[in-house]
Amino acid sequence: NDPNFATTMLNALAGKQPLDNTLTNLSGKDVAGLLAYLGLGEGSALPVGVPVPWPSATPPTGWLKCNGAAFSAEEYPELA
Protein backbone atom coordinates (compact mmCIF):
# COMPACT_ATOMS: atom_id res chain seq x y z
CA ASN A 1 0.00 0.00 0.00
CA ASP A 2 1.44 3.28 -1.13
CA PRO A 3 0.42 6.14 1.17
CA ASN A 4 1.25 8.55 -1.66
CA PHE A 5 -0.59 6.58 -4.36
CA ALA A 6 -2.07 9.64 -6.08
CA THR A 7 1.31 11.36 -6.29
CA THR A 8 2.99 8.16 -7.49
CA MET A 9 0.38 7.74 -10.24
CA LEU A 10 0.61 11.39 -11.34
CA ASN A 11 4.38 11.10 -11.59
CA ALA A 12 4.07 7.88 -13.63
CA LEU A 13 1.50 9.44 -15.95
CA ALA A 14 3.69 12.50 -16.44
CA GLY A 15 6.12 10.25 -18.34
CA LYS A 16 3.51 9.00 -20.83
CA GLN A 17 3.42 9.86 -24.52
CA PRO A 18 2.92 13.59 -25.09
CA LEU A 19 -0.61 14.61 -26.00
CA ASP A 20 -0.76 15.15 -29.75
CA ASN A 21 -2.78 13.95 -32.75
CA THR A 22 -0.60 10.96 -33.68
CA LEU A 23 -2.86 8.30 -32.21
CA THR A 24 -5.98 10.05 -33.51
CA ASN A 25 -4.46 10.17 -37.00
CA LEU A 26 -3.49 6.50 -36.87
CA SER A 27 -6.97 5.48 -35.70
CA GLY A 28 -8.44 6.51 -39.05
CA LYS A 29 -11.08 8.73 -37.44
CA ASP A 30 -9.54 11.70 -39.21
CA VAL A 31 -8.83 10.50 -42.76
CA ALA A 32 -7.05 13.70 -43.80
CA GLY A 33 -4.85 13.47 -40.70
CA LEU A 34 -4.02 9.83 -41.42
CA LEU A 35 -3.09 10.60 -45.02
CA ALA A 36 -0.93 13.54 -43.94
CA TYR A 37 0.75 11.44 -41.21
CA LEU A 38 1.55 8.72 -43.76
CA GLY A 39 2.81 11.30 -46.27
CA LEU A 40 0.04 10.46 -48.73
CA GLY A 41 -1.78 13.81 -48.78
CA GLU A 42 -1.67 16.55 -51.39
CA GLY A 43 1.78 16.78 -52.93
CA SER A 44 2.61 13.21 -51.95
CA ALA A 45 5.78 11.73 -53.40
CA LEU A 46 3.72 8.60 -54.13
CA PRO A 47 3.11 8.40 -57.89
CA VAL A 48 -0.50 8.61 -59.07
CA GLY A 49 -1.98 5.17 -59.69
CA VAL A 50 0.14 3.21 -57.22
CA PRO A 51 -2.04 0.74 -55.27
CA VAL A 52 -2.04 1.51 -51.55
CA PRO A 53 -3.71 -0.80 -48.99
CA TRP A 54 -6.56 0.97 -47.17
CA PRO A 55 -8.07 -0.46 -43.97
CA SER A 56 -11.69 0.54 -44.51
CA ALA A 57 -14.37 -0.16 -47.12
CA THR A 58 -14.52 3.47 -48.27
CA PRO A 59 -11.39 5.07 -49.77
CA PRO A 60 -10.56 8.70 -48.92
CA THR A 61 -11.89 11.51 -51.10
CA GLY A 62 -10.00 11.61 -54.39
CA TRP A 63 -8.91 7.96 -54.14
CA LEU A 64 -10.35 4.95 -55.97
CA LYS A 65 -10.69 1.31 -55.07
CA CYS A 66 -8.37 -0.89 -57.10
CA ASN A 67 -11.09 -3.25 -58.29
CA GLY A 68 -10.97 -3.02 -62.08
CA ALA A 69 -14.03 -0.76 -62.31
CA ALA A 70 -14.23 1.99 -64.92
CA PHE A 71 -13.51 5.55 -63.74
CA SER A 72 -14.13 9.04 -65.08
CA ALA A 73 -11.10 10.58 -66.82
CA GLU A 74 -12.68 14.00 -66.16
CA GLU A 75 -12.87 13.32 -62.44
CA TYR A 76 -9.40 11.69 -62.22
CA PRO A 77 -7.35 13.32 -65.04
CA GLU A 78 -3.96 12.43 -63.52
CA LEU A 79 -4.93 8.76 -63.52
CA ALA A 80 -6.23 8.71 -67.11
C-alpha atoms as a PDB file:
ATOM      1  CA  ASN A   1       0.000   0.000   0.000  1.00  0.00           C
ATOM      2  CA  ASP A   2       1.443   3.285  -1.131  1.00  0.00           C
ATOM      3  CA  PRO A   3       0.416   6.139   1.171  1.00  0.00           C
ATOM      4  CA  ASN A   4       1.251   8.551  -1.661  1.00  0.00           C
ATOM      5  CA  PHE A   5      -0.587   6.577  -4.360  1.00  0.00           C
ATOM      6  CA  ALA A   6      -2.071   9.643  -6.079  1.00  0.00           C
ATOM      7  CA  THR A   7       1.315  11.356  -6.291  1.00  0.00           C
ATOM      8  CA  THR A   8       2.991   8.160  -7.490  1.00  0.00           C
ATOM      9  CA  MET A   9       0.381   7.742 -10.236  1.00  0.00           C
ATOM     10  CA  LEU A  10       0.610  11.386 -11.336  1.00  0.00           C
ATOM     11  CA  ASN A  11       4.383  11.099 -11.588  1.00  0.00           C
ATOM     12  CA  ALA A  12       4.068   7.883 -13.627  1.00  0.00           C
ATOM     13  CA  LEU A  13       1.498   9.436 -15.955  1.00  0.00           C
ATOM     14  CA  ALA A  14       3.690  12.500 -16.444  1.00  0.00           C
ATOM     15  CA  GLY A  15       6.119  10.254 -18.338  1.00  0.00           C
ATOM     16  CA  LYS A  16       3.508   9.002 -20.825  1.00  0.00           C
ATOM     17  CA  GLN A  17       3.425   9.863 -24.516  1.00  0.00           C
ATOM     18  CA  PRO A  18       2.921  13.594 -25.088  1.00  0.00           C
ATOM     19  CA  LEU A  19      -0.613  14.608 -25.995  1.00  0.00           C
ATOM     20  CA  ASP A  20      -0.761  15.145 -29.750  1.00  0.00           C
ATOM     21  CA  ASN A  21      -2.777  13.950 -32.754  1.00  0.00           C
ATOM     22  CA  THR A  22      -0.596  10.962 -33.676  1.00  0.00           C
ATOM     23  CA  LEU A  23      -2.861   8.297 -32.212  1.00  0.00           C
ATOM     24  CA  THR A  24      -5.983  10.047 -33.514  1.00  0.00           C
ATOM     25  CA  ASN A  25      -4.461  10.167 -36.995  1.00  0.00           C
ATOM     26  CA  LEU A  26      -3.488   6.504 -36.867  1.00  0.00           C
ATOM     27  CA  SER A  27      -6.970   5.484 -35.704  1.00  0.00           C
ATOM     28  CA  GLY A  28      -8.442   6.514 -39.053  1.00  0.00           C
ATOM     29  CA  LYS A  29     -11.080   8.728 -37.444  1.00  0.00           C
ATOM     30  CA  ASP A  30      -9.541  11.702 -39.210  1.00  0.00           C
ATOM     31  CA  VAL A  31      -8.827  10.504 -42.762  1.00  0.00           C
ATOM     32  CA  ALA A  32      -7.051  13.703 -43.803  1.00  0.00           C
ATOM     33  CA  GLY A  33      -4.850  13.466 -40.703  1.00  0.00           C
ATOM     34  CA  LEU A  34      -4.017   9.833 -41.418  1.00  0.00           C
ATOM     35  CA  LEU A  35      -3.091  10.604 -45.024  1.00  0.00           C
ATOM     36  CA  ALA A  36      -0.926  13.539 -43.939  1.00  0.00           C
ATOM     37  CA  TYR A  37       0.751  11.440 -41.211  1.00  0.00           C
ATOM     38  CA  LEU A  38       1.555   8.722 -43.764  1.00  0.00           C
ATOM     39  CA  GLY A  39       2.809  11.305 -46.270  1.00  0.00           C
ATOM     40  CA  LEU A  40       0.038  10.460 -48.728  1.00  0.00           C
ATOM     41  CA  GLY A  41      -1.785  13.806 -48.779  1.00  0.00           C
ATOM     42  CA  GLU A  42      -1.669  16.550 -51.395  1.00  0.00           C
ATOM     43  CA  GLY A  43       1.784  16.781 -52.926  1.00  0.00           C
ATOM     44  CA  SER A  44       2.612  13.210 -51.945  1.00  0.00           C
ATOM     45  CA  ALA A  45       5.778  11.727 -53.402  1.00  0.00           C
ATOM     46  CA  LEU A  46       3.724   8.605 -54.126  1.00  0.00           C
ATOM     47  CA  PRO A  47       3.107   8.399 -57.889  1.00  0.00           C
ATOM     48  CA  VAL A  48      -0.499   8.613 -59.068  1.00  0.00           C
ATOM     49  CA  GLY A  49      -1.984   5.168 -59.693  1.00  0.00           C
ATOM     50  CA  VAL A  50       0.137   3.213 -57.218  1.00  0.00           C
ATOM     51  CA  PRO A  51      -2.042   0.743 -55.269  1.00  0.00           C
ATOM     52  CA  VAL A  52      -2.042   1.505 -51.548  1.00  0.00           C
ATOM     53  CA  PRO A  53      -3.713  -0.800 -48.993  1.00  0.00           C
ATOM     54  CA  TRP A  54      -6.558   0.970 -47.174  1.00  0.00           C
ATOM     55  CA  PRO A  55      -8.069  -0.464 -43.969  1.00  0.00           C
ATOM     56  CA  SER A  56     -11.693   0.537 -44.511  1.00  0.00           C
ATOM     57  CA  ALA A  57     -14.370  -0.157 -47.122  1.00  0.00           C
ATOM     58  CA  THR A  58     -14.518   3.468 -48.271  1.00  0.00           C
ATOM     59  CA  PRO A  59     -11.395   5.067 -49.767  1.00  0.00           C
ATOM     60  CA  PRO A  60     -10.561   8.704 -48.920  1.00  0.00           C
ATOM     61  CA  THR A  61     -11.892  11.512 -51.100  1.00  0.00           C
ATOM     62  CA  GLY A  62     -10.004  11.612 -54.386  1.00  0.00           C
ATOM     63  CA  TRP A  63      -8.914   7.962 -54.142  1.00  0.00           C
ATOM     64  CA  LEU A  64     -10.345   4.949 -55.972  1.00  0.00           C
ATOM     65  CA  LYS A  65     -10.686   1.307 -55.069  1.00  0.00           C
ATOM     66  CA  CYS A  66      -8.367  -0.886 -57.104  1.00  0.00           C
ATOM     67  CA  ASN A  67     -11.089  -3.254 -58.288  1.00  0.00           C
ATOM     68  CA  GLY A  68     -10.975  -3.024 -62.082  1.00  0.00           C
ATOM     69  CA  ALA A  69     -14.027  -0.758 -62.312  1.00  0.00           C
ATOM     70  CA  ALA A  70     -14.235   1.995 -64.923  1.00  0.00           C
ATOM     71  CA  PHE A  71     -13.505   5.547 -63.743  1.00  0.00           C
ATOM     72  CA  SER A  72     -14.127   9.038 -65.083  1.00  0.00           C
ATOM     73  CA  ALA A  73     -11.102  10.584 -66.816  1.00  0.00           C
ATOM     74  CA  GLU A  74     -12.679  14.002 -66.160  1.00  0.00           C
ATOM     75  CA  GLU A  75     -12.873  13.320 -62.438  1.00  0.00           C
ATOM     76  CA  TYR A  76      -9.400  11.695 -62.224  1.00  0.00           C
ATOM     77  CA  PRO A  77      -7.355  13.321 -65.039  1.00  0.00           C
ATOM     78  CA  GLU A  78      -3.960  12.426 -63.519  1.00  0.00           C
ATOM     79  CA  LEU A  79      -4.927   8.763 -63.524  1.00  0.00           C
ATOM     80  CA  ALA A  80      -6.226   8.709 -67.111  1.00  0.00           C
END
